[in-house]
PDB file of N, CA and C in Angstrom:
ATOM      1  N   MET A   1       0.942  -1.069   0.425  1.00  0.00           N
ATOM      2  CA  MET A   1      -0.028   0.120  -0.080  1.00  0.00           C
ATOM      3  C   MET A   1       1.231   1.293  -0.177  1.00  0.00           C
ATOM      4  N   PHE A   2       0.374   2.188  -0.696  1.00  0.00           N
ATOM      5  CA  PHE A   2       1.180   3.400  -0.694  1.00  0.00           C
ATOM      6  C   PHE A   2       1.306   3.903   0.577  1.00  0.00           C
ATOM      7  N   ASP A   3       2.648   4.551   0.917  1.00  0.00           N
ATOM      8  CA  ASP A   3       2.662   5.322   2.612  1.00  0.00           C
ATOM      9  C   ASP A   3       2.159   6.720   2.233  1.00  0.00           C
ATOM     10  N   ILE A   4       1.211   7.313   2.245  1.00  0.00           N
ATOM     11  CA  ILE A   4       0.591   8.275   2.179  1.00  0.00           C
ATOM     12  C   ILE A   4       1.155   9.561   2.878  1.00  0.00           C
ATOM     13  N   LEU A   5       1.742   9.538   4.159  1.00  0.00           N
ATOM     14  CA  LEU A   5       2.103  10.190   5.018  1.00  0.00           C
ATOM     15  C   LEU A   5       3.561  10.755   4.761  1.00  0.00           C
ATOM     16  N   SER A   6       4.278   9.472   4.585  1.00  0.00           N
ATOM     17  CA  SER A   6       5.596   9.409   4.194  1.00  0.00           C
ATOM     18  C   SER A   6       5.744  10.437   2.721  1.00  0.00           C
ATOM     19  N   PHE A   7       5.020  10.268   1.756  1.00  0.00           N
ATOM     20  CA  PHE A   7       5.599  10.560   0.647  1.00  0.00           C
ATOM     21  C   PHE A   7       4.551  12.452   1.047  1.00  0.00           C
ATOM     22  N   CYS A   8       3.550  12.848   1.802  1.00  0.00           N
ATOM     23  CA  CYS A   8       2.873  14.095   2.207  1.00  0.00           C
ATOM     24  C   CYS A   8       4.307  15.363   2.907  1.00  0.00           C
ATOM     25  N   ARG A   9       4.489  14.195   3.954  1.00  0.00           N
ATOM     26  CA  ARG A   9       5.571  14.468   4.999  1.00  0.00           C
ATOM     27  C   ARG A   9       6.720  15.464   3.870  1.00  0.00           C
ATOM     28  N   ASP A  10       7.473  13.952   2.878  1.00  0.00           N
ATOM     29  CA  ASP A  10       8.891  14.149   2.531  1.00  0.00           C
ATOM     30  C   ASP A  10       8.723  15.635   1.035  1.00  0.00           C
ATOM     31  N   HIS A  11       6.950  15.677   0.974  1.00  0.00           N
ATOM     32  CA  HIS A  11       7.047  16.639  -0.185  1.00  0.00           C
ATOM     33  C   HIS A  11       6.388  17.687   0.487  1.00  0.00           C
ATOM     34  N   GLY A  12       6.362  18.114   1.384  1.00  0.00           N
ATOM     35  CA  GLY A  12       5.378  19.383   1.725  1.00  0.00           C
ATOM     36  C   GLY A  12       4.321  19.443   1.663  1.00  0.00           C
ATOM     37  N   ILE A  13       3.462  18.574   1.557  1.00  0.00           N
ATOM     38  CA  ILE A  13       1.862  18.537   1.123  1.00  0.00           C
ATOM     39  C   ILE A  13       1.270  19.062   2.547  1.00  0.00           C
ATOM     40  N   ASP A  14       0.549  19.333   2.677  1.00  0.00           N
ATOM     41  CA  ASP A  14      -0.448  19.471   3.924  1.00  0.00           C
ATOM     42  C   ASP A  14      -1.614  18.180   3.595  1.00  0.00           C
ATOM     43  N   TYR A  15      -2.017  18.203   4.872  1.00  0.00           N
ATOM     44  CA  TYR A  15      -2.873  17.118   4.829  1.00  0.00           C
ATOM     45  C   TYR A  15      -3.658  17.178   6.744  1.00  0.00           C
ATOM     46  N   ALA A  16      -4.804  16.603   6.295  1.00  0.00           N
ATOM     47  CA  ALA A  16      -5.670  16.381   7.956  1.00  0.00           C
ATOM     48  C   ALA A  16      -5.994  15.275   8.057  1.00  0.00           C
ATOM     49  N   PHE A  17      -6.632  14.844   8.814  1.00  0.00           N
ATOM     50  CA  PHE A  17      -7.173  13.573   9.706  1.00  0.00           C
ATOM     51  C   PHE A  17      -8.496  13.579  10.390  1.00  0.00           C
ATOM     52  N   LYS A  18      -8.755  15.609  10.524  1.00  0.00           N
ATOM     53  CA  LYS A  18     -10.163  15.648  10.647  1.00  0.00           C
ATOM     54  C   LYS A  18     -10.488  16.970  10.137  1.00  0.00           C
ATOM     55  N   GLY A  19     -11.769  17.037   9.721  1.00  0.00           N
ATOM     56  CA  GLY A  19     -12.266  18.491   9.223  1.00  0.00           C
ATOM     57  C   GLY A  19     -13.842  18.729   8.458  1.00  0.00           C
ATOM     58  N   LYS A  20     -14.215  19.206   7.659  1.00  0.00           N
ATOM     59  CA  LYS A  20     -15.186  19.303   7.565  1.00  0.00           C
ATOM     60  C   LYS A  20     -15.627  18.484   6.601  1.00  0.00           C
ATOM     61  N   ASN A  21     -14.728  17.589   5.975  1.00  0.00           N
ATOM     62  CA  ASN A  21     -14.917  17.385   3.999  1.00  0.00           C
ATOM     63  C   ASN A  21     -13.912  15.769   4.672  1.00  0.00           C
ATOM     64  N   ILE A  22     -13.703  15.227   5.874  1.00  0.00           N
ATOM     65  CA  ILE A  22     -13.111  14.588   6.471  1.00  0.00           C
ATOM     66  C   ILE A  22     -13.633  13.612   7.243  1.00  0.00           C
ATOM     67  N   GLY A  23     -14.139  12.023   6.507  1.00  0.00           N
ATOM     68  CA  GLY A  23     -14.503  11.168   7.110  1.00  0.00           C
ATOM     69  C   GLY A  23     -13.710  10.015   7.827  1.00  0.00           C
ATOM     70  N   PRO A  24     -14.377   9.465   8.649  1.00  0.00           N
ATOM     71  CA  PRO A  24     -13.408   8.129   9.591  1.00  0.00           C
ATOM     72  C   PRO A  24     -13.016   7.509   8.249  1.00  0.00           C
ATOM     73  N   GLY A  25     -11.435   7.339   8.423  1.00  0.00           N
ATOM     74  CA  GLY A  25     -11.231   6.362   7.310  1.00  0.00           C
ATOM     75  C   GLY A  25     -10.347   6.900   6.523  1.00  0.00           C
ATOM     76  N   TRP A  26     -10.308   8.276   5.866  1.00  0.00           N
ATOM     77  CA  TRP A  26     -10.117   8.758   5.007  1.00  0.00           C
ATOM     78  C   TRP A  26      -8.819  10.398   5.594  1.00  0.00           C
ATOM     79  N   LEU A  27      -8.259  10.726   4.918  1.00  0.00           N
ATOM     80  CA  LEU A  27      -6.994  11.708   5.269  1.00  0.00           C
ATOM     81  C   LEU A  27      -7.263  12.473   4.027  1.00  0.00           C
ATOM     82  N   GLY A  28      -7.398  13.853   4.423  1.00  0.00           N
ATOM     83  CA  GLY A  28      -8.045  15.036   3.719  1.00  0.00           C
ATOM     84  C   GLY A  28      -6.795  15.596   3.480  1.00  0.00           C
ATOM     85  N   LEU A  29      -6.761  15.971   1.842  1.00  0.00           N
ATOM     86  CA  LEU A  29      -5.964  16.742   1.248  1.00  0.00           C
ATOM     87  C   LEU A  29      -6.668  17.791   0.514  1.00  0.00           C
ATOM     88  N   GLN A  30      -5.951  18.129  -0.030  1.00  0.00           N
ATOM     89  CA  GLN A  30      -5.647  19.421  -1.027  1.00  0.00           C
ATOM     90  C   GLN A  30      -5.772  19.074  -2.359  1.00  0.00           C
ATOM     91  N   CYS A  31      -6.898  19.264  -3.351  1.00  0.00           N
ATOM     92  CA  CYS A  31      -6.954  18.483  -4.546  1.00  0.00           C
ATOM     93  C   CYS A  31      -6.186  19.594  -5.380  1.00  0.00           C
ATOM     94  N   PRO A  32      -5.280  18.841  -5.607  1.00  0.00           N
ATOM     95  CA  PRO A  32      -4.063  19.513  -6.798  1.00  0.00           C
ATOM     96  C   PRO A  32      -4.752  20.155  -8.253  1.00  0.00           C
ATOM     97  N   PHE A  33      -6.004  19.363  -8.947  1.00  0.00           N
ATOM     98  CA  PHE A  33      -6.731  19.814 -10.043  1.00  0.00           C
ATOM     99  C   PHE A  33      -7.424  21.037  -9.779  1.00  0.00           C
ATOM    100  N   HIS A  34      -8.037  21.333  -8.820  1.00  0.00           N
ATOM    101  CA  HIS A  34      -8.430  22.958  -9.080  1.00  0.00           C
ATOM    102  C   HIS A  34      -8.123  23.904  -7.603  1.00  0.00           C
ATOM    103  N   ARG A  35      -8.331  25.011  -7.316  1.00  0.00           N
ATOM    104  CA  ARG A  35      -8.866  25.218  -6.312  1.00  0.00           C
ATOM    105  C   ARG A  35      -8.894  24.820  -4.716  1.00  0.00           C
ATOM    106  N   ASP A  36      -7.741  24.310  -3.748  1.00  0.00           N
ATOM    107  CA  ASP A  36      -8.858  23.641  -2.738  1.00  0.00           C
ATOM    108  C   ASP A  36      -8.313  23.757  -2.127  1.00  0.00           C
ATOM    109  N   GLU A  37      -9.199  24.796  -0.950  1.00  0.00           N
ATOM    110  CA  GLU A  37      -8.713  25.328   0.532  1.00  0.00           C
ATOM    111  C   GLU A  37      -9.207  24.568   1.632  1.00  0.00           C
ATOM    112  N   ALA A  38     -10.218  23.567   1.477  1.00  0.00           N
ATOM    113  CA  ALA A  38     -10.892  22.677   2.326  1.00  0.00           C
ATOM    114  C   ALA A  38     -10.995  21.658   2.783  1.00  0.00           C
ATOM    115  N   TYR A  39      -9.509  20.911   1.822  1.00  0.00           N
ATOM    116  CA  TYR A  39      -9.661  19.367   2.010  1.00  0.00           C
ATOM    117  C   TYR A  39     -10.770  18.682   0.734  1.00  0.00           C
ATOM    118  N   HIS A  40     -10.955  18.844   0.006  1.00  0.00           N
ATOM    119  CA  HIS A  40     -11.908  18.062  -0.674  1.00  0.00           C
ATOM    120  C   HIS A  40     -10.916  16.726  -1.102  1.00  0.00           C
ATOM    121  N   MET A  41     -10.153  16.595  -1.613  1.00  0.00           N
ATOM    122  CA  MET A  41      -9.576  14.934  -1.502  1.00  0.00           C
ATOM    123  C   MET A  41      -9.067  14.651  -0.765  1.00  0.00           C
ATOM    124  N   GLY A  42      -9.449  12.946  -1.078  1.00  0.00           N
ATOM    125  CA  GLY A  42      -9.384  12.275   0.487  1.00  0.00           C
ATOM    126  C   GLY A  42      -8.605  10.863   0.001  1.00  0.00           C
ATOM    127  N   PHE A  43      -7.527  10.582   0.859  1.00  0.00           N
ATOM    128  CA  PHE A  43      -7.612   8.936   0.574  1.00  0.00           C
ATOM    129  C   PHE A  43      -7.638   8.031   1.062  1.00  0.00           C
ATOM    130  N   ASN A  44      -8.427   7.300   0.861  1.00  0.00           N
ATOM    131  CA  ASN A  44      -9.059   6.083   1.572  1.00  0.00           C
ATOM    132  C   ASN A  44      -7.805   5.218   2.198  1.00  0.00           C
ATOM    133  N   LEU A  45      -7.554   5.135   3.721  1.00  0.00           N
ATOM    134  CA  LEU A  45      -6.525   4.524   4.632  1.00  0.00           C
ATOM    135  C   LEU A  45      -6.695   2.869   4.225  1.00  0.00           C
ATOM    136  N   SER A  46      -7.370   2.234   3.876  1.00  0.00           N
ATOM    137  CA  SER A  46      -7.668   1.373   4.002  1.00  0.00           C
ATOM    138  C   SER A  46      -8.057   0.857   2.533  1.00  0.00           C
ATOM    139  N   GLY A  47      -8.199   1.310   1.801  1.00  0.00           N
ATOM    140  CA  GLY A  47      -8.418   1.008   0.103  1.00  0.00           C
ATOM    141  C   GLY A  47      -6.966   1.720  -0.766  1.00  0.00           C
ATOM    142  N   GLY A  48      -6.624   2.743   0.131  1.00  0.00           N
ATOM    143  CA  GLY A  48      -4.977   2.951  -0.931  1.00  0.00           C
ATOM    144  C   GLY A  48      -5.754   4.396  -2.181  1.00  0.00           C
ATOM    145  N   TYR A  49      -6.737   4.523  -1.964  1.00  0.00           N
ATOM    146  CA  TYR A  49      -7.306   4.862  -3.176  1.00  0.00           C
ATOM    147  C   TYR A  49      -7.839   6.764  -2.822  1.00  0.00           C
ATOM    148  N   VAL A  50      -7.731   7.346  -4.165  1.00  0.00           N
ATOM    149  CA  VAL A  50      -7.973   8.770  -3.862  1.00  0.00           C
ATOM    150  C   VAL A  50      -9.237   8.896  -4.704  1.00  0.00           C
ATOM    151  N   TYR A  51      -9.945  10.372  -3.874  1.00  0.00           N
ATOM    152  CA  TYR A  51     -11.644  10.661  -4.956  1.00  0.00           C
ATOM    153  C   TYR A  51     -11.476  11.897  -4.073  1.00  0.00           C
ATOM    154  N   CYS A  52     -12.051  12.743  -5.130  1.00  0.00           N
ATOM    155  CA  CYS A  52     -11.771  14.066  -4.938  1.00  0.00           C
ATOM    156  C   CYS A  52     -13.552  14.572  -5.051  1.00  0.00           C
ATOM    157  N   TRP A  53     -13.603  15.230  -3.527  1.00  0.00           N
ATOM    158  CA  TRP A  53     -15.693  15.213  -3.560  1.00  0.00           C
ATOM    159  C   TRP A  53     -16.416  16.386  -4.835  1.00  0.00           C
ATOM    160  N   LYS A  54     -14.775  17.517  -5.254  1.00  0.00           N
ATOM    161  CA  LYS A  54     -15.680  18.090  -6.211  1.00  0.00           C
ATOM    162  C   LYS A  54     -15.421  17.917  -7.431  1.00  0.00           C
ATOM    163  N   CYS A  55     -14.086  17.061  -7.860  1.00  0.00           N
ATOM    164  CA  CYS A  55     -13.847  16.687  -9.140  1.00  0.00           C
ATOM    165  C   CYS A  55     -13.819  14.650  -9.571  1.00  0.00           C
ATOM    166  N   GLY A  56     -14.125  14.255  -8.180  1.00  0.00           N
ATOM    167  CA  GLY A  56     -14.201  12.611  -8.703  1.00  0.00           C
ATOM    168  C   GLY A  56     -13.200  11.986  -8.365  1.00  0.00           C
ATOM    169  N   GLY A  57     -12.914  10.882  -9.091  1.00  0.00           N
ATOM    170  CA  GLY A  57     -11.887  10.217  -8.559  1.00  0.00           C
ATOM    171  C   GLY A  57     -11.226  10.152  -9.576  1.00  0.00           C
ATOM    172  N   HIS A  58     -10.218   9.862  -8.617  1.00  0.00           N
ATOM    173  CA  HIS A  58      -8.402  10.107  -9.674  1.00  0.00           C
ATOM    174  C   HIS A  58      -7.229   8.888  -9.369  1.00  0.00           C
ATOM    175  N   SER A  59      -6.116   8.245 -10.643  1.00  0.00           N
ATOM    176  CA  SER A  59      -5.447   7.612 -10.319  1.00  0.00           C
ATOM    177  C   SER A  59      -4.468   8.167  -8.766  1.00  0.00           C
ATOM    178  N   LEU A  60      -3.793   7.709  -8.147  1.00  0.00           N
ATOM    179  CA  LEU A  60      -2.969   7.651  -7.381  1.00  0.00           C
ATOM    180  C   LEU A  60      -1.441   7.879  -8.142  1.00  0.00           C
ATOM    181  N   GLU A  61      -1.167   7.931  -9.536  1.00  0.00           N
ATOM    182  CA  GLU A  61      -0.222   8.486 -10.005  1.00  0.00           C
ATOM    183  C   GLU A  61      -0.256  10.039 -10.757  1.00  0.00           C
ATOM    184  N   SER A  62      -1.645  10.060 -11.243  1.00  0.00           N
ATOM    185  CA  SER A  62      -2.358  11.841 -12.011  1.00  0.00           C
ATOM    186  C   SER A  62      -1.914  12.525 -10.667  1.00  0.00           C
ATOM    187  N   VAL A  63      -2.516  11.923  -9.269  1.00  0.00           N
ATOM    188  CA  VAL A  63      -2.927  12.642  -7.895  1.00  0.00           C
ATOM    189  C   VAL A  63      -0.822  13.383  -7.933  1.00  0.00           C
ATOM    190  N   ILE A  64       0.080  12.260  -8.095  1.00  0.00           N
ATOM    191  CA  ILE A  64       1.376  12.508  -7.912  1.00  0.00           C
ATOM    192  C   ILE A  64       1.760  13.243  -8.597  1.00  0.00           C
ATOM    193  N   ARG A  65       1.557  13.272  -9.793  1.00  0.00           N
ATOM    194  CA  ARG A  65       1.571  14.023 -10.791  1.00  0.00           C
ATOM    195  C   ARG A  65       1.743  15.534 -10.303  1.00  0.00           C
ATOM    196  N   GLY A  66       0.036  15.534 -10.386  1.00  0.00           N
ATOM    197  CA  GLY A  66      -0.323  16.893  -9.859  1.00  0.00           C
ATOM    198  C   GLY A  66       0.445  17.904  -9.036  1.00  0.00           C
ATOM    199  N   TYR A  67       0.450  16.773  -7.639  1.00  0.00           N
ATOM    200  CA  TYR A  67       1.346  17.642  -6.491  1.00  0.00           C
ATOM    201  C   TYR A  67       2.837  18.222  -7.121  1.00  0.00           C
ATOM    202  N   LEU A  68       3.620  16.947  -8.166  1.00  0.00           N
ATOM    203  CA  LEU A  68       4.983  16.639  -7.882  1.00  0.00           C
ATOM    204  C   LEU A  68       4.794  17.924  -9.444  1.00  0.00           C
ATOM    205  N   SER A  69       4.485  17.988  -9.984  1.00  0.00           N
ATOM    206  CA  SER A  69       4.665  18.343 -11.291  1.00  0.00           C
ATOM    207  C   SER A  69       5.199  17.676 -12.335  1.00  0.00           C
ATOM    208  N   CYS A  70       5.594  16.458 -12.490  1.00  0.00           N
ATOM    209  CA  CYS A  70       6.469  15.838 -13.036  1.00  0.00           C
ATOM    210  C   CYS A  70       5.201  14.554 -13.598  1.00  0.00           C
ATOM    211  N   GLU A  71       6.638  14.024 -14.486  1.00  0.00           N
ATOM    212  CA  GLU A  71       6.379  13.246 -15.713  1.00  0.00           C
ATOM    213  C   GLU A  71       6.222  12.120 -15.140  1.00  0.00           C
ATOM    214  N   GLU A  72       5.709  11.082 -15.810  1.00  0.00           N
ATOM    215  CA  GLU A  72       4.392   9.997 -15.572  1.00  0.00           C
ATOM    216  C   GLU A  72       5.430   8.850 -15.447  1.00  0.00           C
ATOM    217  N   TYR A  73       6.840   8.761 -15.970  1.00  0.00           N
ATOM    218  CA  TYR A  73       7.687   7.549 -15.181  1.00  0.00           C
ATOM    219  C   TYR A  73       7.961   8.572 -13.852  1.00  0.00           C
ATOM    220  N   GLU A  74       8.416   9.317 -13.401  1.00  0.00           N
ATOM    221  CA  GLU A  74       8.734  10.419 -11.797  1.00  0.00           C
ATOM    222  C   GLU A  74       7.752   9.399 -10.606  1.00  0.00           C
ATOM    223  N   ALA A  75       6.353   9.918 -11.387  1.00  0.00           N
ATOM    224  CA  ALA A  75       5.079   9.285 -10.739  1.00  0.00           C
ATOM    225  C   ALA A  75       5.717   8.565 -10.172  1.00  0.00           C
ATOM    226  N   ARG A  76       5.598   6.944 -11.457  1.00  0.00           N
ATOM    227  CA  ARG A  76       5.224   5.531 -11.222  1.00  0.00           C
ATOM    228  C   ARG A  76       6.746   5.191 -10.265  1.00  0.00           C
ATOM    229  N   ALA A  77       8.637   5.603 -10.282  1.00  0.00           N
ATOM    230  CA  ALA A  77       8.830   5.536  -9.473  1.00  0.00           C
ATOM    231  C   ALA A  77       8.991   6.508  -7.941  1.00  0.00           C
ATOM    232  N   MET A  78       7.775   7.267  -7.708  1.00  0.00           N
ATOM    233  CA  MET A  78       6.903   7.741  -6.901  1.00  0.00           C
ATOM    234  C   MET A  78       6.360   6.472  -5.881  1.00  0.00           C
ATOM    235  N   LEU A  79       5.914   5.729  -6.865  1.00  0.00           N
ATOM    236  CA  LEU A  79       4.623   4.937  -6.496  1.00  0.00           C
ATOM    237  C   LEU A  79       5.450   3.327  -5.939  1.00  0.00           C
ATOM    238  N   MET A  80       6.452   3.335  -6.455  1.00  0.00           N
ATOM    239  CA  MET A  80       7.465   2.129  -6.100  1.00  0.00           C
ATOM    240  C   MET A  80       7.718   2.730  -4.668  1.00  0.00           C
ATOM    241  N   LEU A  81       8.640   3.914  -4.783  1.00  0.00           N
ATOM    242  CA  LEU A  81       9.549   4.370  -3.750  1.00  0.00           C
ATOM    243  C   LEU A  81       8.880   4.082  -2.158  1.00  0.00           C
ATOM    244  N   TYR A  82       7.242   4.925  -2.751  1.00  0.00           N
ATOM    245  CA  TYR A  82       6.045   4.726  -1.288  1.00  0.00           C
ATOM    246  C   TYR A  82       5.543   3.716  -0.931  1.00  0.00           C
ATOM    247  N   ASP A  83       5.838   2.668  -1.651  1.00  0.00           N
ATOM    248  CA  ASP A  83       4.768   1.069  -1.343  1.00  0.00           C
ATOM    249  C   ASP A  83       5.174   1.052  -0.299  1.00  0.00           C
ATOM    250  N   THR A  84       4.644   0.624   0.738  1.00  0.00           N
ATOM    251  CA  THR A  84       5.196   0.270   2.286  1.00  0.00           C
ATOM    252  C   THR A  84       5.877  -0.609   2.041  1.00  0.00           C
ATOM    253  N   PHE A  85       5.093  -2.183   1.259  1.00  0.00           N
ATOM    254  CA  PHE A  85       5.637  -3.675   0.959  1.00  0.00           C
ATOM    255  C   PHE A  85       6.856  -3.868   0.507  1.00  0.00           C
ATOM    256  N   ALA A  86       6.878  -3.106  -0.688  1.00  0.00           N
ATOM    257  CA  ALA A  86       8.406  -2.927  -1.331  1.00  0.00           C
ATOM    258  C   ALA A  86       9.613  -2.405  -0.418  1.00  0.00           C
ATOM    259  N   VAL A  87       8.724  -1.416   0.173  1.00  0.00           N
ATOM    260  CA  VAL A  87      10.236  -0.916   1.630  1.00  0.00           C
ATOM    261  C   VAL A  87      10.387  -1.981   2.416  1.00  0.00           C
ATOM    262  N   LEU A  88       9.165  -3.115   2.597  1.00  0.00           N
ATOM    263  CA  LEU A  88       9.476  -3.971   3.944  1.00  0.00           C
ATOM    264  C   LEU A  88      10.208  -5.283   3.366  1.00  0.00           C
ATOM    265  N   THR A  89      10.075  -5.477   2.368  1.00  0.00           N
ATOM    266  CA  THR A  89      10.807  -6.459   1.633  1.00  0.00           C
ATOM    267  C   THR A  89      12.261  -6.493   1.328  1.00  0.00           C
ATOM    268  N   ASN A  90      12.347  -5.150   0.820  1.00  0.00           N
ATOM    269  CA  ASN A  90      13.613  -4.498   0.652  1.00  0.00           C
ATOM    270  C   ASN A  90      14.683  -4.426   2.107  1.00  0.00           C
ATOM    271  N   GLU A  91      13.717  -3.858   2.831  1.00  0.00           N
ATOM    272  CA  GLU A  91      14.617  -3.814   3.820  1.00  0.00           C
ATOM    273  C   GLU A  91      15.500  -5.483   4.659  1.00  0.00           C
ATOM    274  N   MET A  92      14.305  -6.475   4.409  1.00  0.00           N
ATOM    275  CA  MET A  92      14.403  -7.614   4.911  1.00  0.00           C
ATOM    276  C   MET A  92      15.445  -8.511   4.447  1.00  0.00           C
ATOM    277  N   ALA A  93      15.288  -8.069   3.070  1.00  0.00           N
ATOM    278  CA  ALA A  93      16.744  -8.587   1.996  1.00  0.00           C
ATOM    279  C   ALA A  93      17.965  -8.029   2.127  1.00  0.00           C
ATOM    280  N   LYS A  94      18.191  -7.461   2.936  1.00  0.00           N
ATOM    281  CA  LYS A  94      19.481  -6.317   3.026  1.00  0.00           C
ATOM    282  C   LYS A  94      20.010  -7.050   4.717  1.00  0.00           C
ATOM    283  N   LYS A  95      18.879  -7.297   5.198  1.00  0.00           N
ATOM    284  CA  LYS A  95      19.362  -7.995   6.483  1.00  0.00           C
ATOM    285  C   LYS A  95      19.750  -9.656   6.826  1.00  0.00           C
ATOM    286  N   LYS A  96      20.578  -9.823   7.150  1.00  0.00           N
ATOM    287  CA  LYS A  96      21.437 -10.720   7.054  1.00  0.00           C
ATOM    288  C   LYS A  96      21.084 -12.008   8.164  1.00  0.00           C
ATOM    289  N   ALA A  97      20.632 -13.143   7.522  1.00  0.00           N
ATOM    290  CA  ALA A  97      20.291 -14.298   8.646  1.00  0.00           C
ATOM    291  C   ALA A  97      21.577 -14.345   9.673  1.00  0.00           C
ATOM    292  N   GLY A  98      20.707 -14.230  11.359  1.00  0.00           N
ATOM    293  CA  GLY A  98      22.087 -14.077  12.051  1.00  0.00           C
ATOM    294  C   GLY A  98      22.018 -15.203  12.938  1.00  0.00           C
ATOM    295  N   GLY A  99      22.506 -16.555  12.491  1.00  0.00           N
ATOM    296  CA  GLY A  99      21.814 -17.766  13.781  1.00  0.00           C
ATOM    297  C   GLY A  99      22.820 -17.872  14.689  1.00  0.00           C
ATOM    298  N   SER A 100      22.389 -18.699  15.652  1.00  0.00           N
ATOM    299  CA  SER A 100      22.701 -19.257  16.616  1.00  0.00           C
ATOM    300  C   SER A 100      22.792 -20.411  17.140  1.00  0.00           C
ATOM    301  N   ASN A 101      23.696 -21.127  17.970  1.00  0.00           N
ATOM    302  CA  ASN A 101      23.405 -22.000  18.416  1.00  0.00           C
ATOM    303  C   ASN A 101      22.273 -21.940  19.802  1.00  0.00           C
ATOM    304  N   LEU A 102      21.284 -22.627  20.047  1.00  0.00           N
ATOM    305  CA  LEU A 102      19.891 -22.652  20.509  1.00  0.00           C
ATOM    306  C   LEU A 102      20.421 -23.876  21.699  1.00  0.00           C
ATOM    307  N   VAL A 103      20.209 -23.325  23.028  1.00  0.00           N
ATOM    308  CA  VAL A 103      21.198 -24.307  23.797  1.00  0.00           C
ATOM    309  C   VAL A 103      19.634 -24.382  24.792  1.00  0.00           C
ATOM    310  N   LEU A 104      19.172 -25.747  24.921  1.00  0.00           N
ATOM    311  CA  LEU A 104      17.890 -26.079  25.406  1.00  0.00           C
ATOM    312  C   LEU A 104      18.204 -26.638  26.585  1.00  0.00           C
ATOM    313  N   PRO A 105      17.296 -26.664  28.252  1.00  0.00           N
ATOM    314  CA  PRO A 105      17.494 -26.732  28.744  1.00  0.00           C
ATOM    315  C   PRO A 105      16.885 -28.541  29.181  1.00  0.00           C
ATOM    316  N   GLY A 106      17.576 -29.358  30.167  1.00  0.00           N
ATOM    317  CA  GLY A 106      17.420 -30.431  30.622  1.00  0.00           C
ATOM    318  C   GLY A 106      18.130 -31.564  29.304  1.00  0.00           C
ATOM    319  N   GLU A 107      18.271 -32.433  29.060  1.00  0.00           N
ATOM    320  CA  GLU A 107      18.792 -33.846  28.547  1.00  0.00           C
ATOM    321  C   GLU A 107      18.547 -33.806  27.084  1.00  0.00           C
ATOM    322  N   PRO A 108      19.779 -33.996  26.047  1.00  0.00           N
ATOM    323  CA  PRO A 108      19.328 -34.326  24.724  1.00  0.00           C
ATOM    324  C   PRO A 108      18.665 -34.705  24.379  1.00  0.00           C
ATOM    325  N   LEU A 109      17.917 -34.466  23.230  1.00  0.00           N
ATOM    326  CA  LEU A 109      16.320 -35.606  22.810  1.00  0.00           C
ATOM    327  C   LEU A 109      17.002 -36.462  21.984  1.00  0.00           C
ATOM    328  N   THR A 110      16.523 -37.603  22.421  1.00  0.00           N
ATOM    329  CA  THR A 110      16.852 -38.594  21.232  1.00  0.00           C
ATOM    330  C   THR A 110      15.205 -39.575  20.697  1.00  0.00           C
ATOM    331  N   ASN A 111      15.202 -39.747  19.818  1.00  0.00           N
ATOM    332  CA  ASN A 111      14.636 -40.589  19.162  1.00  0.00           C
ATOM    333  C   ASN A 111      14.645 -42.378  19.495  1.00  0.00           C
ATOM    334  N   PRO A 112      13.316 -42.561  20.125  1.00  0.00           N
ATOM    335  CA  PRO A 112      13.588 -43.843  20.946  1.00  0.00           C
ATOM    336  C   PRO A 112      13.825 -45.207  19.450  1.00  0.00           C
ATOM    337  N   ILE A 113      13.372 -44.555  18.444  1.00  0.00           N
ATOM    338  CA  ILE A 113      13.458 -45.794  17.074  1.00  0.00           C
ATOM    339  C   ILE A 113      14.517 -46.456  17.171  1.00  0.00           C
ATOM    340  N   VAL A 114      15.381 -45.299  17.175  1.00  0.00           N
ATOM    341  CA  VAL A 114      16.840 -44.996  16.023  1.00  0.00           C
ATOM    342  C   VAL A 114      17.882 -45.885  17.558  1.00  0.00           C
ATOM    343  N   THR A 115      17.651 -45.402  18.742  1.00  0.00           N
ATOM    344  CA  THR A 115      18.371 -45.440  20.073  1.00  0.00           C
ATOM    345  C   THR A 115      18.055 -46.915  20.807  1.00  0.00           C
ATOM    346  N   GLY A 116      17.081 -47.288  20.153  1.00  0.00           N
ATOM    347  CA  GLY A 116      16.009 -48.420  20.813  1.00  0.00           C
ATOM    348  C   GLY A 116      16.270 -48.468  22.038  1.00  0.00           C
ATOM    349  N   LYS A 117      15.928 -47.148  22.831  1.00  0.00           N
ATOM    350  CA  LYS A 117      15.258 -47.495  24.373  1.00  0.00           C
ATOM    351  C   LYS A 117      13.786 -46.955  24.855  1.00  0.00           C
TER     352      LYS A 117
END
C-alpha cells in the first residue's frame, strides 16, 4: 500500500485527519486539480485510493503528478518508492540471517526408534 503520510511529509503536502470534509478512514488532502483550501480530496486509508468530492476519482499516479508537476515515469517511481510492501521487502533482504546455537535446558532429545530405548 502507498505510504501517503511519508509521501506528504517528504514533499511538504498539507493533509488533515479531521475536518468538515474528512470522514472516518480518510486522510484529507487539497486537490491538486482545482483551487482547494478545504481538503476536498481524500485518501482512503484502508483501500489506498483517492477521491475528490468536487471533481471525482483520480489515479494515485495522476495525483502524484499533480502535486509534484512531474512526468509519468517519475510518478511511477514515487509509487514504488513509497510502497510499504516494497520497502519492507527491501529492508528484509538487506538484513543477513544471524543464527546462533540454541541451547535447551535438560537432557538432549533422542529418538527411541533409532536408539532402541
